[in-house]
Amino acid sequence: MIEIKILSIEEIKEKINYLYKYLPKEYLDRSSKFKFEEGKLLDLGSSYFKYKYIKEDIYYNEFGKPLCNNLYFNISHSHNYVIFAKNNKKIGIDIELIKDKLKEELINYTMNEEEKINIKNNADFIKYWTKKESIIKCEGKTIANIKNALMNNKYNIYTIRYLNYYISLAYDGDKEKIILSKELIKI
């Protein structure tokens, strides 16, 4: 079983004083560098997940993917939510808000010809995007690899719509049960 934890920006705001006491200085220092409040809050949410669920030293690969020695994990955020998943095999996760407007240049950069034919609206595009992004994150690569991410894909992909967002999880190994649960910051 893989559990996807989802944390709302409202929960982070409500428990911000607790987070300032709970999180180590290096996490707080990183969050303080964000210019806008939304970025700070989302980074605090990411830090909360890392500090609560990853007890090992975290390091980063050449593409900036966070790693640790005995566990695979991934974090993503978009607008009002931070999501987190961990597993004993490779894993990648993405969440994206479904926006109203399609950006043709982004579609052309990220989608292959077959996918372009299947994109009828922005929800279709976001669904493809999250699948591709989760695969790239699972592999620890960069966005430059996105156009062909679904071609010859060897990972299991789980995609759901949550409110006005799409969430996709890519993972290595056998099919597993996936559960999405709200995270509440415990005081």
N, C-alpha and C. Protein backbone atom coordinates (compact mmCIF):
# COMPACT_ATOMS: atom_id res chain seq x y z
N MET A 1 0.84 -1.18 0.00
CA MET A 1 0.00 0.00 0.00
C MET A 1 0.89 1.25 0.00
N ILE A 2 0.50 2.23 -0.81
CA ILE A 2 1.18 3.52 -0.81
C ILE A 2 0.16 4.56 -0.38
N GLU A 3 0.53 5.35 0.60
CA GLU A 3 -0.35 6.41 1.07
C GLU A 3 0.16 7.75 0.57
N ILE A 4 -0.73 8.48 -0.09
CA ILE A 4 -0.44 9.85 -0.49
C ILE A 4 -1.02 10.75 0.59
N LYS A 5 -0.17 11.55 1.18
CA LYS A 5 -0.61 12.50 2.21
C LYS A 5 -0.80 13.86 1.54
N ILE A 6 -1.91 14.52 1.83
CA ILE A 6 -2.18 15.84 1.27
C ILE A 6 -2.40 16.83 2.41
N LEU A 7 -1.71 17.95 2.31
CA LEU A 7 -1.73 18.97 3.36
C LEU A 7 -2.17 20.29 2.72
N SER A 8 -3.19 20.91 3.29
CA SER A 8 -3.70 22.16 2.73
C SER A 8 -2.92 23.35 3.26
N ILE A 9 -2.87 24.38 2.45
CA ILE A 9 -2.20 25.62 2.86
C ILE A 9 -2.92 26.23 4.06
N GLU A 10 -4.23 26.01 4.16
CA GLU A 10 -5.00 26.51 5.32
C GLU A 10 -4.54 25.83 6.61
N GLU A 11 -4.29 24.53 6.54
CA GLU A 11 -3.78 23.80 7.72
C GLU A 11 -2.40 24.33 8.11
N ILE A 12 -1.58 24.61 7.12
CA ILE A 12 -0.24 25.14 7.40
C ILE A 12 -0.35 26.51 8.06
N LYS A 13 -1.22 27.38 7.54
CA LYS A 13 -1.42 28.71 8.14
C LYS A 13 -1.89 28.59 9.58
N GLU A 14 -2.86 27.69 9.79
CA GLU A 14 -3.45 27.52 11.12
C GLU A 14 -2.42 27.05 12.15
N LYS A 15 -1.46 26.23 11.70
CA LYS A 15 -0.47 25.64 12.63
C LYS A 15 0.93 26.24 12.45
N ILE A 16 1.01 27.43 11.87
CA ILE A 16 2.33 28.00 11.55
C ILE A 16 3.19 28.21 12.79
N ASN A 17 2.61 28.63 13.89
CA ASN A 17 3.41 28.83 15.11
C ASN A 17 4.00 27.51 15.60
N TYR A 18 3.22 26.45 15.48
CA TYR A 18 3.73 25.13 15.84
C TYR A 18 4.89 24.73 14.93
N LEU A 19 4.73 24.96 13.63
CA LEU A 19 5.78 24.60 12.68
C LEU A 19 7.08 25.35 12.98
N TYR A 20 6.98 26.60 13.37
CA TYR A 20 8.18 27.38 13.71
C TYR A 20 8.89 26.81 14.94
N LYS A 21 8.14 26.17 15.82
CA LYS A 21 8.76 25.53 16.99
C LYS A 21 9.24 24.11 16.68
N TYR A 22 8.53 23.42 15.80
CA TYR A 22 8.77 22.00 15.51
C TYR A 22 9.93 21.77 14.55
N LEU A 23 10.02 22.57 13.51
CA LEU A 23 11.00 22.33 12.44
C LEU A 23 12.39 22.84 12.81
N PRO A 24 13.42 22.13 12.39
CA PRO A 24 14.80 22.58 12.62
C PRO A 24 15.10 23.89 11.88
N LYS A 25 16.10 24.58 12.37
CA LYS A 25 16.48 25.89 11.84
C LYS A 25 16.76 25.86 10.34
N GLU A 26 17.45 24.83 9.84
CA GLU A 26 17.79 24.80 8.41
C GLU A 26 16.54 24.76 7.52
N TYR A 27 15.48 24.12 7.97
CA TYR A 27 14.22 24.12 7.22
C TYR A 27 13.58 25.50 7.25
N LEU A 28 13.59 26.12 8.42
CA LEU A 28 13.00 27.45 8.56
C LEU A 28 13.79 28.49 7.76
N ASP A 29 15.11 28.36 7.75
CA ASP A 29 15.94 29.28 6.98
C ASP A 29 15.60 29.20 5.49
N ARG A 30 15.41 28.00 5.00
CA ARG A 30 15.06 27.82 3.59
C ARG A 30 13.72 28.49 3.28
N SER A 31 12.72 28.25 4.12
CA SER A 31 11.39 28.82 3.89
C SER A 31 11.39 30.34 3.94
N SER A 32 12.24 30.89 4.79
CA SER A 32 12.27 32.35 4.93
C SER A 32 12.79 33.06 3.68
N LYS A 33 13.45 32.32 2.78
CA LYS A 33 14.00 32.92 1.56
C LYS A 33 12.95 33.15 0.48
N PHE A 34 11.77 32.57 0.65
CA PHE A 34 10.72 32.77 -0.35
C PHE A 34 10.13 34.16 -0.21
N LYS A 35 9.93 34.80 -1.35
CA LYS A 35 9.46 36.18 -1.37
C LYS A 35 7.97 36.29 -1.04
N PHE A 36 7.18 35.35 -1.56
CA PHE A 36 5.74 35.41 -1.38
C PHE A 36 5.26 34.44 -0.31
N GLU A 37 4.19 34.82 0.39
CA GLU A 37 3.68 34.00 1.49
C GLU A 37 3.32 32.59 1.03
N GLU A 38 2.69 32.46 -0.14
CA GLU A 38 2.30 31.13 -0.62
C GLU A 38 3.51 30.21 -0.74
N GLY A 39 4.60 30.72 -1.29
CA GLY A 39 5.82 29.93 -1.42
C GLY A 39 6.38 29.51 -0.08
N LYS A 40 6.38 30.42 0.88
CA LYS A 40 6.85 30.11 2.24
C LYS A 40 6.01 29.00 2.86
N LEU A 41 4.70 29.15 2.75
CA LEU A 41 3.80 28.17 3.37
C LEU A 41 3.94 26.79 2.72
N LEU A 42 4.02 26.75 1.39
CA LEU A 42 4.18 25.47 0.71
C LEU A 42 5.51 24.83 1.06
N ASP A 43 6.56 25.63 1.19
CA ASP A 43 7.86 25.09 1.58
C ASP A 43 7.82 24.58 3.02
N LEU A 44 7.13 25.29 3.90
CA LEU A 44 6.98 24.81 5.28
C LEU A 44 6.24 23.47 5.30
N GLY A 45 5.23 23.33 4.44
CA GLY A 45 4.52 22.06 4.34
C GLY A 45 5.43 20.94 3.85
N SER A 46 6.24 21.23 2.85
CA SER A 46 7.21 20.25 2.35
C SER A 46 8.20 19.87 3.45
N SER A 47 8.67 20.86 4.17
CA SER A 47 9.61 20.63 5.27
C SER A 47 8.99 19.78 6.36
N TYR A 48 7.73 20.05 6.66
CA TYR A 48 7.01 19.27 7.67
C TYR A 48 7.00 17.78 7.28
N PHE A 49 6.66 17.49 6.02
CA PHE A 49 6.64 16.10 5.56
C PHE A 49 8.03 15.47 5.66
N LYS A 50 9.04 16.17 5.19
CA LYS A 50 10.40 15.61 5.23
C LYS A 50 10.83 15.34 6.68
N TYR A 51 10.59 16.29 7.55
CA TYR A 51 11.03 16.15 8.93
C TYR A 51 10.23 15.07 9.68
N LYS A 52 8.94 14.98 9.41
CA LYS A 52 8.10 14.01 10.11
C LYS A 52 8.31 12.58 9.60
N TYR A 53 8.43 12.39 8.30
CA TYR A 53 8.41 11.05 7.72
C TYR A 53 9.75 10.53 7.24
N ILE A 54 10.73 11.38 7.08
CA ILE A 54 12.04 10.94 6.61
C ILE A 54 13.03 11.16 7.74
N LYS A 55 13.44 10.11 8.35
CA LYS A 55 14.32 10.23 9.52
C LYS A 55 15.81 10.15 9.16
N GLU A 56 16.09 10.01 7.88
CA GLU A 56 17.48 9.88 7.44
C GLU A 56 17.96 11.20 6.84
N ASP A 57 19.27 11.26 6.62
CA ASP A 57 19.82 12.43 5.95
C ASP A 57 19.35 12.48 4.51
N ILE A 58 18.89 13.64 4.11
CA ILE A 58 18.42 13.85 2.74
C ILE A 58 19.55 14.48 1.94
N TYR A 59 19.75 13.98 0.73
CA TYR A 59 20.72 14.58 -0.19
C TYR A 59 20.01 14.74 -1.53
N TYR A 60 20.65 15.40 -2.48
CA TYR A 60 20.00 15.72 -3.76
C TYR A 60 20.85 15.22 -4.92
N ASN A 61 20.18 14.69 -5.96
CA ASN A 61 20.92 14.26 -7.14
C ASN A 61 21.26 15.48 -8.01
N GLU A 62 21.88 15.24 -9.16
CA GLU A 62 22.33 16.35 -10.01
C GLU A 62 21.18 17.16 -10.59
N PHE A 63 19.96 16.62 -10.55
CA PHE A 63 18.79 17.34 -11.06
C PHE A 63 17.97 17.97 -9.93
N GLY A 64 18.43 17.85 -8.68
CA GLY A 64 17.74 18.46 -7.54
C GLY A 64 16.70 17.57 -6.89
N LYS A 65 16.60 16.31 -7.29
CA LYS A 65 15.64 15.40 -6.65
C LYS A 65 16.15 15.01 -5.27
N PRO A 66 15.32 15.20 -4.23
CA PRO A 66 15.73 14.80 -2.89
C PRO A 66 15.73 13.28 -2.74
N LEU A 67 16.77 12.75 -2.11
CA LEU A 67 16.93 11.31 -1.94
C LEU A 67 17.39 11.01 -0.51
N CYS A 68 17.21 9.77 -0.09
CA CYS A 68 17.83 9.26 1.13
C CYS A 68 18.17 7.80 0.87
N ASN A 69 18.98 7.21 1.70
CA ASN A 69 19.57 5.91 1.39
C ASN A 69 18.60 4.73 1.38
N ASN A 70 17.70 4.61 2.33
CA ASN A 70 16.90 3.39 2.46
C ASN A 70 15.41 3.58 2.17
N LEU A 71 15.06 4.68 1.52
CA LEU A 71 13.66 4.99 1.31
C LEU A 71 13.53 5.90 0.10
N TYR A 72 12.46 5.71 -0.66
CA TYR A 72 12.15 6.62 -1.76
C TYR A 72 10.96 7.47 -1.33
N PHE A 73 11.02 8.75 -1.64
CA PHE A 73 9.92 9.63 -1.33
C PHE A 73 9.87 10.74 -2.37
N ASN A 74 8.74 11.43 -2.43
CA ASN A 74 8.61 12.55 -3.32
C ASN A 74 7.55 13.49 -2.78
N ILE A 75 7.72 14.77 -3.11
CA ILE A 75 6.83 15.83 -2.65
C ILE A 75 6.50 16.71 -3.84
N SER A 76 5.28 17.22 -3.86
CA SER A 76 4.87 18.16 -4.90
C SER A 76 3.91 19.16 -4.26
N HIS A 77 3.80 20.33 -4.87
CA HIS A 77 2.82 21.30 -4.39
C HIS A 77 2.29 22.13 -5.54
N SER A 78 1.08 22.61 -5.36
CA SER A 78 0.44 23.47 -6.34
C SER A 78 -0.61 24.29 -5.63
N HIS A 79 -0.48 25.57 -5.70
CA HIS A 79 -1.43 26.55 -5.15
C HIS A 79 -1.79 26.30 -3.69
N ASN A 80 -2.79 25.49 -3.41
CA ASN A 80 -3.28 25.33 -2.04
C ASN A 80 -2.93 24.01 -1.37
N TYR A 81 -2.10 23.18 -2.02
CA TYR A 81 -1.82 21.86 -1.45
C TYR A 81 -0.36 21.44 -1.62
N VAL A 82 0.09 20.67 -0.62
CA VAL A 82 1.37 19.97 -0.69
C VAL A 82 1.03 18.49 -0.55
N ILE A 83 1.64 17.65 -1.40
CA ILE A 83 1.42 16.21 -1.30
C ILE A 83 2.74 15.50 -1.11
N PHE A 84 2.67 14.32 -0.50
CA PHE A 84 3.85 13.55 -0.13
C PHE A 84 3.53 12.07 -0.28
N ALA A 85 4.51 11.31 -0.77
CA ALA A 85 4.39 9.86 -0.82
C ALA A 85 5.76 9.25 -0.59
N LYS A 86 5.78 8.08 0.02
CA LYS A 86 7.04 7.35 0.22
C LYS A 86 6.81 5.88 -0.07
N ASN A 87 7.92 5.19 -0.37
CA ASN A 87 7.84 3.78 -0.71
C ASN A 87 9.23 3.18 -0.57
N ASN A 88 9.32 1.86 -0.66
CA ASN A 88 10.64 1.22 -0.61
C ASN A 88 11.22 1.04 -2.01
N LYS A 89 10.49 1.49 -3.05
CA LYS A 89 10.98 1.50 -4.43
C LYS A 89 10.78 2.88 -5.01
N LYS A 90 11.35 3.11 -6.19
CA LYS A 90 11.26 4.43 -6.83
C LYS A 90 9.83 4.95 -6.88
N ILE A 91 9.70 6.27 -6.63
CA ILE A 91 8.38 6.89 -6.60
C ILE A 91 8.49 8.34 -7.06
N GLY A 92 7.45 8.83 -7.72
CA GLY A 92 7.38 10.23 -8.13
C GLY A 92 5.93 10.67 -8.06
N ILE A 93 5.71 11.91 -7.64
CA ILE A 93 4.34 12.39 -7.47
C ILE A 93 4.23 13.83 -7.97
N ASP A 94 3.05 14.17 -8.50
CA ASP A 94 2.82 15.54 -8.95
C ASP A 94 1.37 15.91 -8.71
N ILE A 95 1.15 17.17 -8.37
CA ILE A 95 -0.18 17.75 -8.24
C ILE A 95 -0.18 19.05 -9.02
N GLU A 96 -1.26 19.28 -9.76
CA GLU A 96 -1.39 20.52 -10.53
C GLU A 96 -2.84 20.99 -10.50
N LEU A 97 -2.99 22.29 -10.35
CA LEU A 97 -4.30 22.94 -10.43
C LEU A 97 -4.74 22.97 -11.89
N ILE A 98 -5.99 22.64 -12.12
CA ILE A 98 -6.55 22.73 -13.47
C ILE A 98 -6.94 24.18 -13.69
N LYS A 99 -6.22 24.83 -14.57
CA LYS A 99 -6.48 26.25 -14.87
C LYS A 99 -7.39 26.34 -16.09
N ASP A 100 -7.91 27.53 -16.29
CA ASP A 100 -8.88 27.73 -17.37
C ASP A 100 -8.26 27.82 -18.75
N LYS A 101 -7.04 28.31 -18.85
CA LYS A 101 -6.45 28.62 -20.15
C LYS A 101 -5.38 27.63 -20.56
N LEU A 102 -5.47 27.18 -21.80
CA LEU A 102 -4.43 26.33 -22.38
C LEU A 102 -3.33 27.22 -22.96
N LYS A 103 -2.10 26.83 -22.75
CA LYS A 103 -0.97 27.55 -23.33
C LYS A 103 -0.39 26.69 -24.45
N GLU A 104 -0.62 27.11 -25.67
CA GLU A 104 -0.19 26.33 -26.83
C GLU A 104 1.30 26.03 -26.82
N GLU A 105 2.12 27.03 -26.45
CA GLU A 105 3.58 26.80 -26.47
C GLU A 105 3.99 25.72 -25.47
N LEU A 106 3.30 25.65 -24.35
CA LEU A 106 3.59 24.62 -23.36
C LEU A 106 3.15 23.24 -23.86
N ILE A 107 2.02 23.19 -24.50
CA ILE A 107 1.55 21.93 -25.08
C ILE A 107 2.55 21.45 -26.13
N ASN A 108 2.99 22.35 -26.99
CA ASN A 108 3.94 21.97 -28.05
C ASN A 108 5.27 21.50 -27.48
N TYR A 109 5.71 22.10 -26.39
CA TYR A 109 6.99 21.73 -25.77
C TYR A 109 6.92 20.40 -25.03
N THR A 110 5.75 20.10 -24.43
CA THR A 110 5.67 18.96 -23.52
C THR A 110 4.96 17.73 -24.05
N MET A 111 4.17 17.87 -25.10
CA MET A 111 3.36 16.76 -25.57
C MET A 111 3.82 16.28 -26.94
N ASN A 112 3.76 14.96 -27.13
CA ASN A 112 4.07 14.43 -28.46
C ASN A 112 2.82 14.52 -29.33
N GLU A 113 2.94 14.17 -30.60
CA GLU A 113 1.84 14.37 -31.56
C GLU A 113 0.58 13.59 -31.18
N GLU A 114 0.73 12.36 -30.75
CA GLU A 114 -0.44 11.56 -30.36
C GLU A 114 -1.16 12.19 -29.17
N GLU A 115 -0.42 12.66 -28.20
CA GLU A 115 -1.03 13.29 -27.02
C GLU A 115 -1.74 14.58 -27.40
N LYS A 116 -1.14 15.36 -28.28
CA LYS A 116 -1.76 16.62 -28.71
C LYS A 116 -3.15 16.37 -29.29
N ILE A 117 -3.31 15.30 -30.04
CA ILE A 117 -4.60 14.96 -30.64
C ILE A 117 -5.64 14.68 -29.56
N ASN A 118 -5.22 14.09 -28.45
CA ASN A 118 -6.14 13.72 -27.37
C ASN A 118 -6.45 14.84 -26.39
N ILE A 119 -5.77 15.96 -26.51
CA ILE A 119 -6.00 17.07 -25.58
C ILE A 119 -7.11 17.96 -26.14
N LYS A 120 -8.23 17.92 -25.46
CA LYS A 120 -9.40 18.71 -25.88
C LYS A 120 -9.61 19.95 -25.01
N ASN A 121 -9.05 19.93 -23.79
CA ASN A 121 -9.22 21.06 -22.87
C ASN A 121 -8.06 21.06 -21.87
N ASN A 122 -8.05 22.03 -21.01
CA ASN A 122 -6.93 22.15 -20.08
C ASN A 122 -6.90 21.01 -19.06
N ALA A 123 -8.05 20.45 -18.71
CA ALA A 123 -8.05 19.31 -17.78
C ALA A 123 -7.32 18.12 -18.41
N ASP A 124 -7.53 17.88 -19.70
CA ASP A 124 -6.80 16.81 -20.39
C ASP A 124 -5.30 17.06 -20.34
N PHE A 125 -4.92 18.31 -20.61
CA PHE A 125 -3.50 18.66 -20.59
C PHE A 125 -2.89 18.44 -19.21
N ILE A 126 -3.57 18.91 -18.17
CA ILE A 126 -3.06 18.78 -16.80
C ILE A 126 -2.96 17.30 -16.41
N LYS A 127 -3.90 16.50 -16.83
CA LYS A 127 -3.86 15.07 -16.53
C LYS A 127 -2.61 14.44 -17.15
N TYR A 128 -2.36 14.73 -18.44
CA TYR A 128 -1.13 14.24 -19.07
C TYR A 128 0.11 14.78 -18.36
N TRP A 129 0.09 16.07 -18.06
CA TRP A 129 1.24 16.72 -17.43
C TRP A 129 1.61 16.04 -16.12
N THR A 130 0.61 15.79 -15.27
CA THR A 130 0.93 15.19 -13.97
C THR A 130 1.46 13.77 -14.13
N LYS A 131 0.94 13.03 -15.09
CA LYS A 131 1.46 11.68 -15.34
C LYS A 131 2.93 11.75 -15.74
N LYS A 132 3.22 12.64 -16.69
CA LYS A 132 4.60 12.77 -17.19
C LYS A 132 5.53 13.27 -16.09
N GLU A 133 5.09 14.27 -15.37
CA GLU A 133 5.91 14.84 -14.29
C GLU A 133 6.20 13.79 -13.22
N SER A 134 5.21 12.96 -12.89
CA SER A 134 5.43 11.93 -11.87
C SER A 134 6.47 10.90 -12.35
N ILE A 135 6.46 10.57 -13.64
CA ILE A 135 7.45 9.64 -14.19
C ILE A 135 8.84 10.25 -14.13
N ILE A 136 8.94 11.51 -14.55
CA ILE A 136 10.24 12.20 -14.54
C ILE A 136 10.79 12.27 -13.11
N LYS A 137 9.92 12.59 -12.16
CA LYS A 137 10.36 12.66 -10.77
C LYS A 137 10.73 11.29 -10.23
N CYS A 138 10.01 10.26 -10.67
CA CYS A 138 10.34 8.89 -10.27
C CYS A 138 11.74 8.52 -10.76
N GLU A 139 12.05 8.91 -11.97
CA GLU A 139 13.37 8.62 -12.55
C GLU A 139 14.45 9.58 -12.07
N GLY A 140 14.05 10.68 -11.43
CA GLY A 140 15.03 11.65 -10.96
C GLY A 140 15.59 12.51 -12.07
N LYS A 141 14.82 12.73 -13.13
CA LYS A 141 15.29 13.51 -14.28
C LYS A 141 14.69 14.91 -14.26
N THR A 142 14.93 15.66 -15.34
CA THR A 142 14.47 17.04 -15.41
C THR A 142 13.31 17.17 -16.40
N ILE A 143 12.69 18.32 -16.39
CA ILE A 143 11.57 18.62 -17.26
C ILE A 143 11.94 18.52 -18.74
N ALA A 144 13.22 18.62 -19.05
CA ALA A 144 13.66 18.48 -20.45
C ALA A 144 13.30 17.11 -21.01
N ASN A 145 13.05 16.14 -20.15
CA ASN A 145 12.70 14.78 -20.56
C ASN A 145 11.19 14.54 -20.66
N ILE A 146 10.40 15.60 -20.56
CA ILE A 146 8.95 15.42 -20.41
C ILE A 146 8.23 14.96 -21.68
N LYS A 147 8.65 15.39 -22.84
CA LYS A 147 7.89 15.12 -24.07
C LYS A 147 7.63 13.63 -24.28
N ASN A 148 8.62 12.80 -24.04
CA ASN A 148 8.47 11.37 -24.30
C ASN A 148 8.35 10.53 -23.03
N ALA A 149 7.99 11.15 -21.94
CA ALA A 149 7.96 10.44 -20.65
C ALA A 149 7.00 9.25 -20.63
N LEU A 150 5.88 9.34 -21.31
CA LEU A 150 4.91 8.24 -21.29
C LEU A 150 5.23 7.14 -22.29
N MET A 151 6.11 7.43 -23.22
CA MET A 151 6.49 6.42 -24.21
C MET A 151 7.43 5.42 -23.54
N ASN A 152 7.17 4.15 -23.74
CA ASN A 152 7.97 3.07 -23.14
C ASN A 152 8.05 3.19 -21.62
N ASN A 153 7.00 3.70 -21.02
CA ASN A 153 6.96 3.86 -19.57
C ASN A 153 6.95 2.50 -18.89
N LYS A 154 7.81 2.33 -17.88
CA LYS A 154 7.90 1.06 -17.16
C LYS A 154 7.29 1.12 -15.76
N TYR A 155 6.70 2.26 -15.41
CA TYR A 155 6.18 2.45 -14.06
C TYR A 155 4.66 2.29 -14.03
N ASN A 156 4.15 1.95 -12.85
CA ASN A 156 2.72 2.01 -12.60
C ASN A 156 2.36 3.48 -12.40
N ILE A 157 1.24 3.89 -12.95
CA ILE A 157 0.79 5.28 -12.78
C ILE A 157 -0.63 5.26 -12.23
N TYR A 158 -0.81 6.02 -11.18
CA TYR A 158 -2.12 6.18 -10.53
C TYR A 158 -2.47 7.66 -10.65
N THR A 159 -3.63 7.97 -11.23
CA THR A 159 -4.05 9.37 -11.40
C THR A 159 -5.46 9.53 -10.88
N ILE A 160 -5.66 10.60 -10.10
CA ILE A 160 -7.00 10.92 -9.61
C ILE A 160 -7.25 12.42 -9.75
N ARG A 161 -8.51 12.74 -9.80
CA ARG A 161 -8.90 14.15 -9.74
C ARG A 161 -9.32 14.42 -8.30
N TYR A 162 -8.74 15.48 -7.73
CA TYR A 162 -9.04 15.89 -6.36
C TYR A 162 -9.47 17.35 -6.42
N LEU A 163 -10.74 17.61 -6.19
CA LEU A 163 -11.30 18.95 -6.33
C LEU A 163 -10.96 19.47 -7.73
N ASN A 164 -10.26 20.60 -7.85
CA ASN A 164 -9.89 21.14 -9.15
C ASN A 164 -8.41 20.89 -9.45
N TYR A 165 -7.90 19.74 -9.04
CA TYR A 165 -6.51 19.36 -9.22
C TYR A 165 -6.45 17.95 -9.82
N TYR A 166 -5.35 17.68 -10.48
CA TYR A 166 -5.01 16.29 -10.82
C TYR A 166 -3.78 15.91 -10.01
N ILE A 167 -3.78 14.69 -9.52
CA ILE A 167 -2.65 14.11 -8.80
C ILE A 167 -2.26 12.83 -9.52
N SER A 168 -0.98 12.70 -9.84
CA SER A 168 -0.48 11.46 -10.42
C SER A 168 0.69 10.95 -9.61
N LEU A 169 0.73 9.64 -9.45
CA LEU A 169 1.78 8.95 -8.73
C LEU A 169 2.37 7.89 -9.66
N ALA A 170 3.68 7.93 -9.87
CA ALA A 170 4.37 6.88 -10.63
C ALA A 170 5.24 6.12 -9.64
N TYR A 171 5.23 4.80 -9.77
CA TYR A 171 6.04 4.00 -8.84
C TYR A 171 6.52 2.73 -9.51
N ASP A 172 7.63 2.25 -9.03
CA ASP A 172 8.27 1.04 -9.52
C ASP A 172 7.71 -0.16 -8.77
N GLY A 173 7.75 -1.33 -9.39
CA GLY A 173 7.33 -2.55 -8.70
C GLY A 173 5.93 -2.97 -9.06
N ASP A 174 5.40 -3.87 -8.25
CA ASP A 174 4.07 -4.43 -8.49
C ASP A 174 2.98 -3.41 -8.19
N LYS A 175 1.79 -3.65 -8.76
CA LYS A 175 0.64 -2.79 -8.47
C LYS A 175 0.36 -2.81 -6.98
N GLU A 176 0.07 -1.65 -6.44
CA GLU A 176 -0.24 -1.53 -5.02
C GLU A 176 -1.53 -0.75 -4.83
N LYS A 177 -2.15 -0.93 -3.69
CA LYS A 177 -3.31 -0.13 -3.33
C LYS A 177 -2.81 1.27 -2.98
N ILE A 178 -3.51 2.29 -3.48
CA ILE A 178 -3.13 3.68 -3.24
C ILE A 178 -4.23 4.32 -2.41
N ILE A 179 -3.84 5.02 -1.36
CA ILE A 179 -4.79 5.72 -0.50
C ILE A 179 -4.38 7.19 -0.42
N LEU A 180 -5.35 8.08 -0.58
CA LEU A 180 -5.13 9.51 -0.40
C LEU A 180 -5.73 9.90 0.93
N SER A 181 -4.92 10.51 1.80
CA SER A 181 -5.44 10.92 3.11
C SER A 181 -5.00 12.33 3.45
N LYS A 182 -5.89 13.06 4.09
CA LYS A 182 -5.57 14.42 4.53
C LYS A 182 -4.60 14.33 5.69
N GLU A 183 -3.61 15.19 5.63
CA GLU A 183 -2.63 15.29 6.72
C GLU A 183 -3.05 16.44 7.63
N LEU A 184 -3.09 16.18 8.91
CA LEU A 184 -3.33 17.22 9.89
C LEU A 184 -2.07 17.35 10.71
N ILE A 185 -1.61 18.57 10.86
CA ILE A 185 -0.39 18.82 11.64
C ILE A 185 -0.73 18.62 13.10
N LYS A 186 -0.07 17.65 13.71
CA LYS A 186 -0.35 17.29 15.11
C LYS A 186 0.42 18.22 16.05
N ILE A 187 -0.31 18.71 17.03
CA ILE A 187 0.31 19.57 18.04
C ILE A 187 0.49 18.79 19.31
